[in-house]
Amino acid sequence: MTEITFTHNGIDIRAEYEIFGDTLVVYLPDGTTRETSLRGLAPDSAAITHLRAFAHSLSKRSDK
C-alpha cells in the first residue's frame, strides 16, 4: 500500500491506497473506501482528490 497525506487546517490527514488493475482503492481514515477507474490518471493525484474531499467533509460536519 502507498500512503498519502493532505494537510487541512493545519492537521495532517493520512490515507493509504492500492491499485488493482486499473482500479484505485483509497482507504480513508474513518474506515470507508473510495474507488476510481484510473484510465490514465496518476494514482497519487486521484488518491489525493479523494482524501481532500474527505477532509473537506470533516470541516462541514464540524461547522454544524
PDB file of N, CA and C in Angstrom:
ATOM      1  N   MET A   1       0.843  -1.185   0.000  1.00  0.00           N
ATOM      2  CA  MET A   1       0.000   0.000   0.000  1.00  0.00           C
ATOM      3  C   MET A   1       0.881   1.239   0.000  1.00  0.00           C
ATOM      4  N   THR A   2       0.325   2.293  -0.531  1.00  0.00           N
ATOM      5  CA  THR A   2       1.023   3.570  -0.587  1.00  0.00           C
ATOM      6  C   THR A   2       0.279   4.569   0.287  1.00  0.00           C
ATOM      7  N   GLU A   3       1.014   5.329   1.085  1.00  0.00           N
ATOM      8  CA  GLU A   3       0.394   6.321   1.967  1.00  0.00           C
ATOM      9  C   GLU A   3       0.447   7.702   1.328  1.00  0.00           C
ATOM     10  N   ILE A   4      -0.638   8.463   1.511  1.00  0.00           N
ATOM     11  CA  ILE A   4      -0.689   9.860   1.089  1.00  0.00           C
ATOM     12  C   ILE A   4      -1.105  10.703   2.277  1.00  0.00           C
ATOM     13  N   THR A   5      -0.706  11.965   2.264  1.00  0.00           N
ATOM     14  CA  THR A   5      -1.033  12.890   3.343  1.00  0.00           C
ATOM     15  C   THR A   5      -1.554  14.184   2.750  1.00  0.00           C
ATOM     16  N   PHE A   6      -2.593  14.721   3.353  1.00  0.00           N
ATOM     17  CA  PHE A   6      -3.146  16.011   2.977  1.00  0.00           C
ATOM     18  C   PHE A   6      -3.257  16.842   4.242  1.00  0.00           C
ATOM     19  N   THR A   7      -2.741  18.061   4.208  1.00  0.00           N
ATOM     20  CA  THR A   7      -2.825  18.943   5.370  1.00  0.00           C
ATOM     21  C   THR A   7      -4.013  19.870   5.189  1.00  0.00           C
ATOM     22  N   HIS A   8      -4.927  19.816   6.152  1.00  0.00           N
ATOM     23  CA  HIS A   8      -6.150  20.617   6.097  1.00  0.00           C
ATOM     24  C   HIS A   8      -6.312  21.346   7.423  1.00  0.00           C
ATOM     25  N   ASN A   9      -6.372  22.665   7.354  1.00  0.00           N
ATOM     26  CA  ASN A   9      -6.495  23.492   8.561  1.00  0.00           C
ATOM     27  C   ASN A   9      -5.405  23.152   9.579  1.00  0.00           C
ATOM     28  N   GLY A  10      -4.200  22.902   9.088  1.00  0.00           N
ATOM     29  CA  GLY A  10      -3.063  22.631   9.954  1.00  0.00           C
ATOM     30  C   GLY A  10      -2.984  21.216  10.497  1.00  0.00           C
ATOM     31  N   ILE A  11      -3.879  20.345  10.065  1.00  0.00           N
ATOM     32  CA  ILE A  11      -3.900  18.965  10.551  1.00  0.00           C
ATOM     33  C   ILE A  11      -3.569  18.036   9.392  1.00  0.00           C
ATOM     34  N   ASP A  12      -2.599  17.137   9.615  1.00  0.00           N
ATOM     35  CA  ASP A  12      -2.259  16.145   8.597  1.00  0.00           C
ATOM     36  C   ASP A  12      -3.270  15.008   8.649  1.00  0.00           C
ATOM     37  N   ILE A  13      -3.852  14.705   7.493  1.00  0.00           N
ATOM     38  CA  ILE A  13      -4.793  13.595   7.378  1.00  0.00           C
ATOM     39  C   ILE A  13      -4.170  12.598   6.415  1.00  0.00           C
ATOM     40  N   ARG A  14      -4.086  11.340   6.848  1.00  0.00           N
ATOM     41  CA  ARG A  14      -3.412  10.319   6.063  1.00  0.00           C
ATOM     42  C   ARG A  14      -4.393   9.249   5.594  1.00  0.00           C
ATOM     43  N   ALA A  15      -4.093   8.702   4.436  1.00  0.00           N
ATOM     44  CA  ALA A  15      -4.851   7.580   3.895  1.00  0.00           C
ATOM     45  C   ALA A  15      -3.867   6.680   3.152  1.00  0.00           C
ATOM     46  N   GLU A  16      -4.298   5.493   2.864  1.00  0.00           N
ATOM     47  CA  GLU A  16      -3.500   4.572   2.068  1.00  0.00           C
ATOM     48  C   GLU A  16      -4.299   4.190   0.839  1.00  0.00           C
ATOM     49  N   TYR A  17      -3.575   3.782  -0.205  1.00  0.00           N
ATOM     50  CA  TYR A  17      -4.269   3.318  -1.399  1.00  0.00           C
ATOM     51  C   TYR A  17      -3.540   2.154  -2.032  1.00  0.00           C
ATOM     52  N   GLU A  18      -4.305   1.391  -2.822  1.00  0.00           N
ATOM     53  CA  GLU A  18      -3.778   0.274  -3.592  1.00  0.00           C
ATOM     54  C   GLU A  18      -4.358   0.363  -4.994  1.00  0.00           C
ATOM     55  N   ILE A  19      -3.671  -0.258  -5.923  1.00  0.00           N
ATOM     56  CA  ILE A  19      -4.138  -0.303  -7.299  1.00  0.00           C
ATOM     57  C   ILE A  19      -4.361  -1.767  -7.674  1.00  0.00           C
ATOM     58  N   PHE A  20      -5.535  -2.042  -8.204  1.00  0.00           N
ATOM     59  CA  PHE A  20      -5.905  -3.371  -8.670  1.00  0.00           C
ATOM     60  C   PHE A  20      -6.251  -3.249 -10.150  1.00  0.00           C
ATOM     61  N   GLY A  21      -5.324  -3.611 -11.007  1.00  0.00           N
ATOM     62  CA  GLY A  21      -5.535  -3.420 -12.443  1.00  0.00           C
ATOM     63  C   GLY A  21      -5.589  -1.934 -12.743  1.00  0.00           C
ATOM     64  N   ASP A  22      -6.752  -1.460 -13.192  1.00  0.00           N
ATOM     65  CA  ASP A  22      -6.945  -0.039 -13.485  1.00  0.00           C
ATOM     66  C   ASP A  22      -7.781   0.655 -12.402  1.00  0.00           C
ATOM     67  N   THR A  23      -8.055  -0.056 -11.304  1.00  0.00           N
ATOM     68  CA  THR A  23      -8.899   0.487 -10.237  1.00  0.00           C
ATOM     69  C   THR A  23      -8.058   0.915  -9.040  1.00  0.00           C
ATOM     70  N   LEU A  24      -8.259   2.136  -8.628  1.00  0.00           N
ATOM     71  CA  LEU A  24      -7.616   2.683  -7.432  1.00  0.00           C
ATOM     72  C   LEU A  24      -8.584   2.532  -6.269  1.00  0.00           C
ATOM     73  N   VAL A  25      -8.115   1.994  -5.158  1.00  0.00           N
ATOM     74  CA  VAL A  25      -8.918   1.886  -3.946  1.00  0.00           C
ATOM     75  C   VAL A  25      -8.216   2.685  -2.856  1.00  0.00           C
ATOM     76  N   VAL A  26      -8.919   3.686  -2.314  1.00  0.00           N
ATOM     77  CA  VAL A  26      -8.376   4.552  -1.266  1.00  0.00           C
ATOM     78  C   VAL A  26      -9.049   4.172   0.050  1.00  0.00           C
ATOM     79  N   TYR A  27      -8.232   3.920   1.074  1.00  0.00           N
ATOM     80  CA  TYR A  27      -8.713   3.569   2.404  1.00  0.00           C
ATOM     81  C   TYR A  27      -8.645   4.822   3.262  1.00  0.00           C
ATOM     82  N   LEU A  28      -9.801   5.410   3.541  1.00  0.00           N
ATOM     83  CA  LEU A  28      -9.865   6.671   4.286  1.00  0.00           C
ATOM     84  C   LEU A  28      -9.749   6.438   5.789  1.00  0.00           C
ATOM     85  N   PRO A  29      -9.394   7.492   6.536  1.00  0.00           N
ATOM     86  CA  PRO A  29      -9.169   7.339   7.986  1.00  0.00           C
ATOM     87  C   PRO A  29     -10.372   6.836   8.776  1.00  0.00           C
ATOM     88  N   ASP A  30     -11.587   7.047   8.277  1.00  0.00           N
ATOM     89  CA  ASP A  30     -12.771   6.593   9.020  1.00  0.00           C
ATOM     90  C   ASP A  30     -13.142   5.145   8.710  1.00  0.00           C
ATOM     91  N   GLY A  31     -12.309   4.467   7.902  1.00  0.00           N
ATOM     92  CA  GLY A  31     -12.549   3.069   7.591  1.00  0.00           C
ATOM     93  C   GLY A  31     -13.320   2.843   6.300  1.00  0.00           C
ATOM     94  N   THR A  32     -13.813   3.899   5.674  1.00  0.00           N
ATOM     95  CA  THR A  32     -14.504   3.752   4.404  1.00  0.00           C
ATOM     96  C   THR A  32     -13.497   3.683   3.263  1.00  0.00           C
ATOM     97  N   THR A  33     -13.971   3.258   2.108  1.00  0.00           N
ATOM     98  CA  THR A  33     -13.120   3.205   0.931  1.00  0.00           C
ATOM     99  C   THR A  33     -13.772   3.983  -0.207  1.00  0.00           C
ATOM    100  N   ARG A  34     -12.946   4.445  -1.106  1.00  0.00           N
ATOM    101  CA  ARG A  34     -13.405   5.095  -2.339  1.00  0.00           C
ATOM    102  C   ARG A  34     -12.657   4.443  -3.487  1.00  0.00           C
ATOM    103  N   GLU A  35     -13.350   4.261  -4.603  1.00  0.00           N
ATOM    104  CA  GLU A  35     -12.735   3.635  -5.770  1.00  0.00           C
ATOM    105  C   GLU A  35     -12.838   4.544  -6.984  1.00  0.00           C
ATOM    106  N   THR A  36     -11.836   4.454  -7.851  1.00  0.00           N
ATOM    107  CA  THR A  36     -11.795   5.213  -9.095  1.00  0.00           C
ATOM    108  C   THR A  36     -11.146   4.349 -10.169  1.00  0.00           C
ATOM    109  N   SER A  37     -11.710   4.392 -11.359  1.00  0.00           N
ATOM    110  CA  SER A  37     -11.032   3.809 -12.522  1.00  0.00           C
ATOM    111  C   SER A  37     -10.003   4.821 -12.985  1.00  0.00           C
ATOM    112  N   LEU A  38      -8.753   4.428 -13.033  1.00  0.00           N
ATOM    113  CA  LEU A  38      -7.679   5.387 -13.317  1.00  0.00           C
ATOM    114  C   LEU A  38      -7.691   5.892 -14.758  1.00  0.00           C
ATOM    115  N   ARG A  39      -7.871   5.035 -15.720  1.00  0.00           N
ATOM    116  CA  ARG A  39      -7.937   5.442 -17.125  1.00  0.00           C
ATOM    117  C   ARG A  39      -6.874   6.472 -17.485  1.00  0.00           C
ATOM    118  N   GLY A  40      -5.645   6.190 -17.082  1.00  0.00           N
ATOM    119  CA  GLY A  40      -4.528   7.069 -17.409  1.00  0.00           C
ATOM    120  C   GLY A  40      -4.204   8.123 -16.371  1.00  0.00           C
ATOM    121  N   LEU A  41      -5.043   8.294 -15.355  1.00  0.00           N
ATOM    122  CA  LEU A  41      -4.758   9.267 -14.290  1.00  0.00           C
ATOM    123  C   LEU A  41      -3.592   8.781 -13.442  1.00  0.00           C
ATOM    124  N   ALA A  42      -2.846   9.707 -12.901  1.00  0.00           N
ATOM    125  CA  ALA A  42      -1.776   9.361 -11.969  1.00  0.00           C
ATOM    126  C   ALA A  42      -2.416   8.916 -10.647  1.00  0.00           C
ATOM    127  N   PRO A  43      -2.007   7.771 -10.110  1.00  0.00           N
ATOM    128  CA  PRO A  43      -2.619   7.270  -8.869  1.00  0.00           C
ATOM    129  C   PRO A  43      -2.548   8.257  -7.706  1.00  0.00           C
ATOM    130  N   ASP A  44      -1.394   8.902  -7.501  1.00  0.00           N
ATOM    131  CA  ASP A  44      -1.278   9.866  -6.395  1.00  0.00           C
ATOM    132  C   ASP A  44      -2.282  10.999  -6.536  1.00  0.00           C
ATOM    133  N   SER A  45      -2.430  11.499  -7.744  1.00  0.00           N
ATOM    134  CA  SER A  45      -3.345  12.602  -7.999  1.00  0.00           C
ATOM    135  C   SER A  45      -4.796  12.197  -7.731  1.00  0.00           C
ATOM    136  N   ALA A  46      -5.172  11.026  -8.211  1.00  0.00           N
ATOM    137  CA  ALA A  46      -6.540  10.553  -7.994  1.00  0.00           C
ATOM    138  C   ALA A  46      -6.801  10.280  -6.513  1.00  0.00           C
ATOM    139  N   ALA A  47      -5.824   9.703  -5.820  1.00  0.00           N
ATOM    140  CA  ALA A  47      -5.998   9.383  -4.398  1.00  0.00           C
ATOM    141  C   ALA A  47      -6.103  10.653  -3.555  1.00  0.00           C
ATOM    142  N   ILE A  48      -5.294  11.651  -3.852  1.00  0.00           N
ATOM    143  CA  ILE A  48      -5.328  12.881  -3.050  1.00  0.00           C
ATOM    144  C   ILE A  48      -6.651  13.610  -3.242  1.00  0.00           C
ATOM    145  N   THR A  49      -7.266  13.458  -4.405  1.00  0.00           N
ATOM    146  CA  THR A  49      -8.576  14.063  -4.630  1.00  0.00           C
ATOM    147  C   THR A  49      -9.602  13.482  -3.668  1.00  0.00           C
ATOM    148  N   HIS A  50      -9.579  12.167  -3.478  1.00  0.00           N
ATOM    149  CA  HIS A  50     -10.494  11.528  -2.526  1.00  0.00           C
ATOM    150  C   HIS A  50     -10.194  11.979  -1.095  1.00  0.00           C
ATOM    151  N   LEU A  51      -8.919  12.064  -0.752  1.00  0.00           N
ATOM    152  CA  LEU A  51      -8.543  12.468   0.609  1.00  0.00           C
ATOM    153  C   LEU A  51      -8.924  13.926   0.866  1.00  0.00           C
ATOM    154  N   ARG A  52      -8.733  14.770  -0.122  1.00  0.00           N
ATOM    155  CA  ARG A  52      -9.105  16.187   0.002  1.00  0.00           C
ATOM    156  C   ARG A  52     -10.619  16.327   0.224  1.00  0.00           C
ATOM    157  N   ALA A  53     -11.413  15.586  -0.536  1.00  0.00           N
ATOM    158  CA  ALA A  53     -12.872  15.623  -0.367  1.00  0.00           C
ATOM    159  C   ALA A  53     -13.266  15.129   1.026  1.00  0.00           C
ATOM    160  N   PHE A  54     -12.589  14.093   1.500  1.00  0.00           N
ATOM    161  CA  PHE A  54     -12.847  13.579   2.847  1.00  0.00           C
ATOM    162  C   PHE A  54     -12.549  14.650   3.895  1.00  0.00           C
ATOM    163  N   ALA A  55     -11.422  15.318   3.772  1.00  0.00           N
ATOM    164  CA  ALA A  55     -11.031  16.363   4.730  1.00  0.00           C
ATOM    165  C   ALA A  55     -12.043  17.509   4.733  1.00  0.00           C
ATOM    166  N   HIS A  56     -12.480  17.911   3.571  1.00  0.00           N
ATOM    167  CA  HIS A  56     -13.464  18.996   3.493  1.00  0.00           C
ATOM    168  C   HIS A  56     -14.807  18.576   4.091  1.00  0.00           C
ATOM    169  N   SER A  57     -15.165  17.302   3.934  1.00  0.00           N
ATOM    170  CA  SER A  57     -16.420  16.830   4.530  1.00  0.00           C
ATOM    171  C   SER A  57     -16.338  16.853   6.054  1.00  0.00           C
ATOM    172  N   LEU A  58     -15.148  16.620   6.609  1.00  0.00           N
ATOM    173  CA  LEU A  58     -14.975  16.711   8.056  1.00  0.00           C
ATOM    174  C   LEU A  58     -15.207  18.132   8.532  1.00  0.00           C
ATOM    175  N   SER A  59     -14.725  19.100   7.777  1.00  0.00           N
ATOM    176  CA  SER A  59     -14.908  20.512   8.125  1.00  0.00           C
ATOM    177  C   SER A  59     -16.382  20.883   8.117  1.00  0.00           C
ATOM    178  N   LYS A  60     -17.099  20.415   7.130  1.00  0.00           N
ATOM    179  CA  LYS A  60     -18.532  20.728   7.037  1.00  0.00           C
ATOM    180  C   LYS A  60     -19.303  20.119   8.192  1.00  0.00           C
ATOM    181  N   ARG A  61     -18.908  18.916   8.606  1.00  0.00           N
ATOM    182  CA  ARG A  61     -19.580  18.276   9.752  1.00  0.00           C
ATOM    183  C   ARG A  61     -19.323  19.047  11.039  1.00  0.00           C
ATOM    184  N   SER A  62     -18.099  19.553  11.206  1.00  0.00           N
ATOM    185  CA  SER A  62     -17.765  20.239  12.456  1.00  0.00           C
ATOM    186  C   SER A  62     -18.330  21.661  12.485  1.00  0.00           C
ATOM    187  N   ASP A  63     -18.686  22.216  11.322  1.00  0.00           N
ATOM    188  CA  ASP A  63     -19.260  23.566  11.280  1.00  0.00           C
ATOM    189  C   ASP A  63     -20.713  23.581  11.745  1.00  0.00           C
ATOM    190  N   LYS A  64     -21.363  22.432  11.731  1.00  0.00           N
ATOM    191  CA  LYS A  64     -22.789  22.392  12.096  1.00  0.00           C
ATOM    192  C   LYS A  64     -22.989  22.334  13.573  1.00  0.00           C
TER     193      LYS A  64
END
